[in-house]
Protein backbone atom coordinates (compact mmCIF):
# COMPACT_ATOMS: atom_id res chain seq x y z
CA MET A 1 -0.35 -0.02 0.15
CA GLY A 2 1.50 3.54 -0.80
CA THR A 3 1.69 6.41 1.05
CA ARG A 4 -1.50 8.06 -0.42
CA GLU A 5 -3.60 4.98 -0.08
CA ILE A 6 -2.17 4.76 3.56
CA PHE A 7 -3.31 8.34 4.42
CA SER A 8 -6.76 7.80 2.42
CA THR A 9 -7.42 4.80 4.95
CA ILE A 10 -6.59 6.74 8.10
CA PHE A 11 -8.87 9.91 6.84
CA ASN A 12 -11.74 7.49 5.92
CA ALA A 13 -11.50 5.98 9.37
CA LEU A 14 -11.21 9.10 11.01
CA GLU A 15 -14.47 10.42 9.22
CA ILE A 16 -16.40 7.41 10.29
CA SER A 17 -15.41 7.96 13.98
CA LYS A 18 -16.44 11.59 13.61
CA ASP A 19 -19.85 10.37 12.47
CA PHE A 20 -20.11 7.92 14.91
CA LEU A 21 -19.28 10.41 17.47
CA ASP A 22 -21.46 13.22 16.14
CA GLY A 23 -24.56 10.72 16.07
CA SER A 24 -23.83 9.35 19.71
CA LEU A 25 -23.72 13.15 20.83
CA SER A 26 -26.68 13.63 18.93
CA LEU A 27 -28.59 10.71 20.61
CA MET A 28 -27.70 11.58 23.89
CA GLY A 29 -28.88 15.12 23.33
CA ASN A 30 -32.10 13.97 22.09
CA THR A 31 -32.38 11.98 25.17
CA VAL A 32 -31.96 14.93 27.26
CA LEU A 33 -34.30 17.15 25.06
CA LEU A 34 -37.07 14.62 25.56
CA ARG A 35 -37.05 15.52 29.22
CA ASP A 36 -37.07 19.22 28.01
CA LEU A 37 -39.61 19.29 25.18
CA LYS A 38 -42.10 16.28 26.49
CA SER A 39 -44.50 18.85 28.30
CA TRP A 40 -43.95 21.91 25.84
CA ARG A 41 -47.12 21.99 23.45
CA SER A 42 -47.28 24.09 20.00
CA SER A 43 -49.56 27.36 20.32
CA ALA A 44 -52.27 27.46 17.56
CA PRO A 45 -51.17 29.80 14.38
CA VAL A 46 -52.73 33.26 14.96
CA GLY A 47 -53.49 34.94 11.42
CA ARG A 48 -52.41 33.89 8.15
CA VAL A 49 -49.30 32.27 7.63
CA GLU A 50 -46.93 34.22 5.13
CA ARG A 51 -43.16 32.67 5.71
CA LEU A 52 -42.77 29.21 7.25
CA LEU A 53 -39.72 26.83 7.52
CA TYR A 54 -40.34 23.35 5.95
CA PHE A 55 -38.05 20.74 7.72
CA ARG A 56 -37.25 17.18 6.54
CA CYS A 57 -34.48 15.41 8.51
CA MET A 58 -34.32 12.39 5.95
CA GLU A 59 -32.92 11.50 2.87
CA GLU A 60 -35.14 12.24 -0.05
CA LYS A 61 -35.78 10.32 -2.90
CA PHE A 62 -38.53 8.29 -4.81
CA GLY A 63 -41.79 9.28 -3.57
CA ALA A 64 -40.73 11.02 -0.57
CA LEU A 65 -38.96 13.38 -3.08
CA SER A 66 -41.77 14.06 -5.00
CA HIS A 67 -44.06 14.91 -2.14
CA SER A 68 -41.44 17.55 -0.83
CA ILE A 69 -41.06 19.09 -4.23
CA GLY A 70 -44.88 19.15 -4.64
CA VAL A 71 -45.60 20.51 -1.15
CA GLU A 72 -43.38 23.39 -1.43
CA LYS A 73 -44.82 24.16 -5.07
CA GLY A 74 -48.07 24.17 -3.78
CA LEU A 75 -47.36 26.24 -0.81
CA ARG A 76 -45.75 28.89 -3.02
CA SER A 77 -48.46 28.90 -5.44
CA LEU A 78 -50.52 30.61 -2.58
CA GLY A 79 -48.32 33.25 -1.87
CA VAL A 80 -46.50 31.47 0.82
CA GLU A 81 -42.63 32.16 1.33
CA VAL A 82 -41.12 28.69 2.11
CA VAL A 83 -37.80 28.29 4.07
CA SER A 84 -36.34 24.57 3.28
CA ILE A 85 -34.09 22.63 5.44
CA SER A 86 -33.37 19.11 4.51
CA LEU A 87 -30.91 16.23 4.89
CA ASN A 88 -28.53 17.45 1.77
CA SER A 89 -25.42 16.33 0.68
CA PRO A 90 -22.87 17.91 2.96
CA PHE A 91 -24.94 15.66 5.84
CA LYS A 92 -25.38 12.68 4.09
CA LEU A 93 -24.31 9.42 5.72
CA ASP A 94 -25.37 6.03 5.61
CA GLY A 95 -27.33 4.13 8.05
CA VAL A 96 -29.24 5.18 11.36
CA LEU A 97 -26.97 7.92 12.08
CA LYS A 98 -28.16 10.20 9.25
CA SER A 99 -31.03 11.34 10.92
CA ILE A 100 -29.00 11.82 14.22
CA ARG A 101 -26.44 13.36 13.10
CA PHE A 102 -28.19 16.05 11.21
CA ASP A 103 -30.02 16.89 14.34
CA TYR A 104 -26.71 17.54 16.42
CA LEU A 105 -25.11 19.69 13.38
CA LEU A 106 -28.23 21.89 13.46
CA ARG A 107 -28.36 22.40 17.02
CA LYS A 108 -24.48 22.78 17.11
CA ASN A 109 -24.96 25.66 14.35
CA LEU A 110 -28.05 27.02 15.79
CA ARG A 111 -27.07 30.58 15.42
CA ARG A 112 -26.55 30.13 11.77
CA VAL A 113 -29.85 28.05 11.22
CA MET A 114 -31.90 30.81 12.98
CA GLU A 115 -30.32 33.55 10.80
CA TYR A 116 -30.99 31.41 7.55
CA VAL A 117 -34.48 30.90 8.55
CA GLY A 118 -35.06 34.41 9.77
CA ASP A 119 -38.90 35.53 10.74
CA ILE A 120 -41.18 32.73 10.20
CA ASP A 121 -44.94 32.21 11.25
CA LEU A 122 -44.81 28.47 11.35
CA VAL A 123 -42.51 25.46 11.59
CA TYR A 124 -43.86 22.72 9.12
CA GLN A 125 -41.95 19.57 9.48
CA ARG A 126 -42.23 15.75 8.53
CA ILE A 127 -41.70 13.57 11.39
CA THR A 128 -38.63 11.02 11.18
CA PRO A 129 -37.48 8.53 13.42
CA TYR A 130 -34.83 10.36 15.46
CA SER A 131 -35.27 13.85 15.00
CA LEU A 132 -36.28 16.78 17.88
CA PHE A 133 -34.90 19.44 15.72
CA GLY A 134 -38.42 20.77 14.50
CA VAL A 135 -39.92 20.74 17.93
CA PHE A 136 -36.87 22.29 19.66
CA LEU A 137 -36.81 24.99 16.97
CA ALA A 138 -40.54 25.79 17.08
CA LYS A 139 -39.88 26.12 20.66
CA GLU A 140 -37.08 28.34 20.68
CA LEU A 141 -38.60 30.55 17.92
CA GLU A 142 -42.02 30.47 19.87
CA VAL A 143 -44.10 29.58 16.78
CA PRO A 144 -46.39 26.95 16.18
CA LEU A 145 -45.67 23.61 14.73
CA VAL A 146 -47.54 21.47 12.27
CA SER A 147 -46.16 18.04 11.55
CA GLU A 148 -46.80 15.82 8.35
CA TYR A 149 -46.98 11.89 9.67
CA HIS A 150 -46.27 9.29 6.94
CA GLY A 151 -46.09 6.29 9.14
CA SER A 152 -43.89 5.03 11.99
CA ARG A 153 -40.55 3.50 10.88
CA TRP A 154 -40.72 0.98 14.22
CA ILE A 155 -44.05 -0.37 12.74
CA SER A 156 -43.08 -0.79 9.09
CA THR A 157 -39.55 -2.38 10.02
CA ARG A 158 -41.25 -4.78 12.23
CA LEU A 159 -44.09 -5.70 9.55
CA TYR A 160 -42.00 -5.95 6.50
CA LYS A 161 -38.46 -6.88 8.21
CA GLY A 162 -39.58 -8.56 11.21
CA LYS A 163 -37.09 -6.82 13.75
CA SER A 164 -36.73 -3.55 15.43
CA ILE A 165 -34.98 -0.55 14.34
CA PRO A 166 -31.92 0.72 16.41
CA PHE A 167 -32.50 2.42 19.36
CA GLU A 168 -36.33 1.97 18.85
CA PHE A 169 -37.27 2.66 22.56
CA ILE A 170 -36.02 6.39 22.13
CA SER A 171 -36.94 6.61 18.74
CA ARG A 172 -40.71 6.08 19.75
CA ARG A 173 -40.26 8.46 22.42
CA ILE A 174 -39.20 11.00 20.13
CA GLU A 175 -41.88 10.31 17.79
CA ARG A 176 -44.49 10.96 20.68
CA VAL A 177 -42.89 14.05 21.54
CA ASN A 178 -43.28 15.20 17.82
CA LEU A 179 -46.75 14.00 17.70
CA GLU A 180 -47.90 15.65 21.27
CA SER A 181 -46.40 18.77 20.44
CA SER A 182 -47.92 19.67 17.11
CA SER A 183 -50.94 21.88 16.92
CA LEU A 184 -52.07 19.88 13.49
CA ILE A 185 -50.93 16.67 12.09
CA SER A 186 -51.44 15.82 8.51
CA THR A 187 -51.48 12.38 7.09
CA VAL A 188 -51.23 11.13 3.55
CA SER A 189 -54.04 8.26 4.31
CA SER A 190 -56.95 7.39 6.44
CA VAL A 191 -55.09 4.31 7.30
CA LEU A 192 -52.51 6.46 8.90
CA LYS A 193 -55.06 8.70 10.86
CA ARG A 194 -56.40 5.33 12.62
CA ASP A 195 -53.13 4.57 13.57
CA LEU A 196 -52.33 7.95 15.17
CA ILE A 197 -55.86 7.85 16.77
CA SER A 198 -54.85 4.12 18.20
CA PHE A 199 -51.91 5.78 19.88
CA GLY A 200 -54.08 8.29 21.53
CA ILE A 201 -53.52 11.17 19.35
CA ASN A 202 -56.74 13.71 19.53
CA SER A 203 -58.48 12.98 16.06
CA GLU A 204 -59.39 16.82 16.02
CA LYS A 205 -55.83 17.95 15.12
CA ILE A 206 -55.65 14.93 12.57
CA ILE A 207 -56.25 15.75 8.76
CA VAL A 208 -56.03 13.44 5.87
CA ASN A 209 -54.25 14.93 2.82
CA ARG A 210 -53.38 12.38 0.15
CA ASN A 211 -50.26 12.71 -2.24
CA CYS A 212 -51.03 14.63 -5.53
CA VAL A 213 -49.38 15.33 -8.58
CA ASP A 214 -47.52 18.26 -10.53
CA LEU A 215 -49.70 18.81 -13.57
CA ASP A 216 -46.83 20.80 -15.23
CA LEU A 217 -44.95 17.32 -15.27
CA PHE A 218 -47.55 14.72 -15.91
CA ASN A 219 -50.47 15.67 -18.39
CA PRO A 220 -51.78 13.98 -21.36
CA ASP A 221 -49.85 16.51 -23.77
CA VAL A 222 -46.56 15.23 -22.39
CA SER A 223 -44.30 14.60 -25.41
CA PRO A 224 -42.98 10.90 -25.32
CA LEU A 225 -39.23 9.70 -24.98
CA ILE A 226 -39.82 6.77 -26.42
CA GLN A 227 -41.98 5.27 -29.23
CA LYS A 228 -44.25 1.72 -29.40
CA GLU A 229 -44.98 -0.01 -32.53
CA SER A 230 -48.26 0.67 -34.23
CA GLY A 231 -50.95 -1.29 -33.14
CA LYS A 232 -49.21 -2.66 -29.92
CA ILE A 233 -50.53 -2.11 -26.59
CA ARG A 234 -48.16 -1.28 -24.03
CA ILE A 235 -48.41 -2.16 -20.40
CA GLY A 236 -46.35 0.15 -17.72
CA PHE A 237 -45.10 0.21 -14.12
CA SER A 238 -43.04 2.89 -12.42
CA GLY A 239 -41.57 2.61 -9.10
CA ILE A 240 -39.50 0.81 -6.59
CA PHE A 241 -38.79 -2.81 -7.62
CA SER A 242 -39.48 -4.49 -4.60
CA LYS A 243 -41.84 -7.57 -3.26
CA TRP A 244 -44.14 -5.01 -1.36
CA TYR A 245 -44.56 -2.93 -4.58
CA GLY A 246 -46.16 -5.87 -6.03
CA LEU A 247 -43.19 -6.82 -9.07
CA ARG A 248 -43.62 -10.56 -8.48
CA THR A 249 -47.18 -10.69 -8.97
CA LEU A 250 -46.92 -8.08 -11.72
CA LEU A 251 -44.35 -10.25 -13.14
CA ARG A 252 -46.59 -13.57 -13.28
CA ALA A 253 -49.43 -11.35 -14.70
CA LEU A 254 -47.42 -9.97 -17.52
CA PHE A 255 -45.68 -13.52 -18.47
CA SER A 256 -49.21 -14.65 -18.68
CA ILE A 257 -50.42 -11.81 -21.07
CA ARG A 258 -47.42 -12.00 -22.89
CA LYS A 259 -47.98 -15.70 -23.95
CA GLU A 260 -51.72 -14.98 -24.43
CA TYR A 261 -51.21 -11.63 -26.55
CA HIS A 262 -47.98 -12.61 -28.24
CA GLY A 263 -46.74 -10.08 -30.87
CA LYS A 264 -49.87 -7.41 -29.71
CA VAL A 265 -48.42 -6.25 -26.42
CA ASP A 266 -45.15 -5.04 -24.93
CA PHE A 267 -44.48 -3.83 -21.30
CA LEU A 268 -42.46 -0.75 -19.76
CA LEU A 269 -40.97 -1.48 -16.15
CA LEU A 270 -39.38 1.89 -15.21
CA GLY A 271 -37.72 2.29 -11.65
CA ASP A 272 -35.18 0.51 -9.41
CA GLY A 273 -34.74 -1.53 -6.26
CA PRO A 274 -33.73 -4.83 -4.68
CA LEU A 275 -35.53 -6.88 -7.28
CA PHE A 276 -34.06 -4.92 -10.37
CA ASP A 277 -31.37 -7.54 -11.42
CA SER A 278 -33.64 -10.24 -10.65
CA VAL A 279 -36.35 -9.01 -12.84
CA LYS A 280 -33.97 -7.97 -15.60
CA LYS A 281 -32.15 -11.54 -15.62
CA ARG A 282 -35.79 -13.07 -15.62
CA VAL A 283 -36.80 -10.88 -18.88
CA SER A 284 -33.90 -11.25 -20.74
CA GLY A 285 -33.95 -12.32 -24.11
CA MET A 286 -37.68 -11.34 -24.22
CA ARG A 287 -38.09 -8.22 -26.75
CA GLU A 288 -41.36 -7.12 -25.22
CA PHE A 289 -39.95 -6.10 -21.87
CA LEU A 290 -37.92 -2.29 -21.69
CA LEU A 291 -36.06 -1.43 -18.56
CA PRO A 292 -34.66 1.90 -18.68
CA GLY A 293 -34.17 1.49 -14.91
CA TRP A 294 -34.40 4.64 -12.89
CA VAL A 295 -34.76 7.86 -14.39
CA ASP A 296 -34.98 11.54 -13.11
CA LEU A 297 -38.40 12.64 -12.08
CA PRO A 298 -39.01 14.99 -15.13
CA GLU A 299 -38.37 12.08 -17.56
CA VAL A 300 -40.74 9.67 -15.86
CA PRO A 301 -43.95 11.07 -17.29
CA ARG A 302 -42.14 11.25 -20.84
CA TYR A 303 -41.46 7.59 -20.43
CA LEU A 304 -44.98 6.44 -19.16
CA ILE A 305 -47.16 8.43 -21.73
CA SER A 306 -46.22 6.00 -24.39
CA CYS A 307 -48.20 3.31 -22.30
CA ASP A 308 -51.83 2.46 -22.73
CA ILE A 309 -52.49 0.88 -19.41
CA LEU A 310 -50.44 1.94 -16.07
CA VAL A 311 -50.34 -0.48 -13.21
CA SER A 312 -49.62 0.03 -9.59
CA PRO A 313 -49.67 -3.71 -7.78
CA ASN A 314 -48.97 -2.71 -4.13
CA GLU A 315 -48.74 -5.82 -2.09
CA PRO A 316 -48.70 -4.44 1.65
CA ILE A 317 -48.72 -6.92 4.71
CA GLY A 318 -52.38 -5.88 6.03
CA GLU A 319 -53.52 -2.41 4.85
CA LEU A 320 -51.40 0.05 2.71
CA ARG A 321 -50.65 2.93 5.15
CA GLY A 322 -49.47 5.14 2.44
CA SER A 323 -50.38 7.03 -0.67
CA PRO A 324 -48.83 6.31 -3.55
CA VAL A 325 -47.85 9.00 -5.71
CA LYS A 326 -47.64 7.07 -8.73
CA ILE A 327 -51.33 6.60 -8.74
CA PRO A 328 -52.34 10.50 -9.26
CA GLU A 329 -49.19 10.88 -11.54
CA TYR A 330 -50.66 7.73 -13.90
CA MET A 331 -54.20 9.56 -13.80
CA ALA A 332 -52.72 12.75 -14.68
CA LEU A 333 -51.24 11.19 -17.99
CA GLY A 334 -55.01 10.39 -18.74
CA LYS A 335 -54.24 6.54 -18.96
CA ALA A 336 -56.63 3.41 -17.77
CA VAL A 337 -55.08 2.53 -14.35
CA VAL A 338 -55.21 -0.63 -12.70
CA ALA A 339 -54.38 -0.85 -8.81
CA SER A 340 -54.43 -2.73 -5.79
CA ARG A 341 -57.30 -2.72 -3.53
CA THR A 342 -56.11 -1.86 -0.57
CA GLY A 343 -55.94 1.25 1.70
CA ASP A 344 -56.85 4.43 0.30
CA ILE A 345 -56.29 3.70 -3.48
CA PRO A 346 -60.12 2.63 -3.97
CA GLU A 347 -61.04 6.10 -2.64
CA ILE A 348 -58.06 8.00 -4.80
CA ILE A 349 -59.14 6.22 -8.12
CA GLY A 350 -63.07 6.16 -7.74
CA ASP A 351 -64.62 5.07 -10.96
CA SER A 352 -61.59 6.46 -12.87
CA GLY A 353 -59.69 2.78 -12.79
CA VAL A 354 -59.84 -0.87 -12.27
CA LEU A 355 -59.01 -2.64 -9.08
CA PHE A 356 -57.58 -6.10 -8.22
CA THR A 357 -57.20 -8.08 -5.59
CA PRO A 358 -53.52 -7.64 -4.04
CA GLY A 359 -51.13 -10.51 -4.69
CA ASP A 360 -53.43 -12.21 -6.89
CA TYR A 361 -51.90 -12.39 -10.36
CA VAL A 362 -54.87 -14.05 -11.96
CA ASP A 363 -57.11 -11.20 -10.92
CA LEU A 364 -54.20 -8.73 -12.07
CA ARG A 365 -53.82 -10.50 -15.71
CA ASP A 366 -57.82 -10.53 -16.11
CA LYS A 367 -57.99 -6.76 -15.14
CA ILE A 368 -55.30 -6.14 -17.70
CA SER A 369 -56.66 -8.59 -20.20
CA TYR A 370 -60.16 -6.89 -20.13
CA LEU A 371 -58.33 -3.42 -20.92
CA ILE A 372 -56.24 -4.78 -23.72
CA GLU A 373 -59.53 -6.11 -25.45
CA ASN A 374 -61.59 -2.84 -24.48
CA GLU A 375 -60.15 0.58 -26.22
CA GLU A 376 -63.46 2.36 -25.54
CA GLU A 377 -63.24 1.31 -21.82
CA ARG A 378 -59.55 2.54 -21.76
CA ARG A 379 -60.28 6.05 -23.36
CA LYS A 380 -63.26 6.54 -20.95
CA LEU A 381 -61.09 5.57 -17.60
CA GLY A 382 -58.53 7.83 -18.94
CA LYS A 383 -60.57 10.96 -19.26
CA ARG A 384 -62.20 10.05 -16.03
CA ALA A 385 -58.55 9.83 -14.50
CA TRP A 386 -57.79 13.33 -15.75
CA LYS A 387 -60.85 15.20 -14.88
CA ARG A 388 -61.04 13.46 -11.27
CA VAL A 389 -57.02 14.28 -10.77
CA ARG A 390 -57.21 18.05 -11.63
CA LYS A 391 -60.45 18.21 -9.16
CA ASN A 392 -58.79 16.63 -6.16
CA TYR A 393 -55.31 15.61 -6.73
CA THR A 394 -52.89 18.62 -7.62
CA TRP A 395 -50.18 19.94 -5.10
CA GLU A 396 -52.17 23.30 -5.14
CA LYS A 397 -55.18 21.51 -4.00
CA TYR A 398 -52.98 19.86 -1.31
CA ALA A 399 -51.52 22.98 0.01
CA GLU A 400 -55.32 24.77 -0.04
CA ARG A 401 -56.63 21.90 2.26
CA LEU A 402 -53.47 22.32 4.48
CA MET A 403 -53.82 25.80 4.94
CA GLU A 404 -57.37 25.84 5.54
CA SER A 405 -56.91 23.22 8.08
CA ILE A 406 -54.18 25.62 9.52
CA LYS A 407 -56.44 28.54 9.59
CA LYS A 408 -59.32 26.38 11.21
CA ILE A 409 -57.08 25.45 14.56
CA GLY A 410 -55.89 29.36 14.69
CA GLY A 411 -59.35 30.37 15.05
CA GLY A 412 -59.16 33.35 12.45
CA SER A 413 -59.49 34.60 8.91
CA GLY A 414 -56.00 35.75 8.41
CA LYS A 415 -53.78 38.82 8.99
CA GLU A 416 -55.00 42.13 7.15
């Protein structure tokens, strides 16, 4: 090993040690903060919110990234000035120390943070497993706290991995303080609202505000990046390649459809994830399958617009707790949608799509086959989907519902 390699190894080791030290200090600091913050309660917002901090202590990608970009855009469309703090590249780490270390560094540099944030009317945060900074900052600035709740990591990890998250006891206490301190909690599904009520959270301060879509990106007039053969019908999927997103069920259905409609259909599977290499291997040599991998968000609609039928085959354990961003995105393209009958999906789609039993590849195959055979039905469903999403599921509508709820808990009509 040369001199450069030796110093590189020492440097990397020191960086790892520093990360671990920062994470440990932050965890100890948050344990102390729990005692100081557990009795603090956010005041209700007074008047109209003109400027807020949107805080996310997490690595943002996939649906979470679409959500935060959409929320900011929706709020700004209402004239709200949004100051944003999130876990970006300077603080990015692997594993559980990500959000723990971020909390520590933010408190360590509190003066700089407060100068950056400036004069705000509200702290709006996404609750994450190890973070207390949103509560801490709202208390320091003496402003109200409103939180997004997208589910409990300790619940999902137990359900899908059969184990506990690191420092689970502390994480659950931190989550509890975040929930009880907030004057309003916004969830993306009625299932999550039921979870919160079962935790003992007052139902009157919980709203359901489902994920939405950016119509500037997703709409029926998007220009396609890829073409398809004339006369062929294309079935598409976008998202994470994993068991819980229904990839195995989807593949079984598509293999059956490929056999039945050989030469008449092809398939676009857009995304990445744990099963990507396995899926790629299984469809190797099948010219009907297109697997572009993961693409940047602005390119997603330009791939999906080439499809005739779009599928969301979620396969949760129990009920789906989230609100898949892909469904309003599919609907906004004016396409026929086939989706799992679970969680809030039936209410999101209404009469503008077709539902199937989660995990039942025969039911999924039959629903897709029905749409392959019925062009007029595909057209009608696509028109209904486009109309429904414009009325209910734009980020501007999301922001309107959020701000109206904030106004109600404040008991006033706004600043003059």
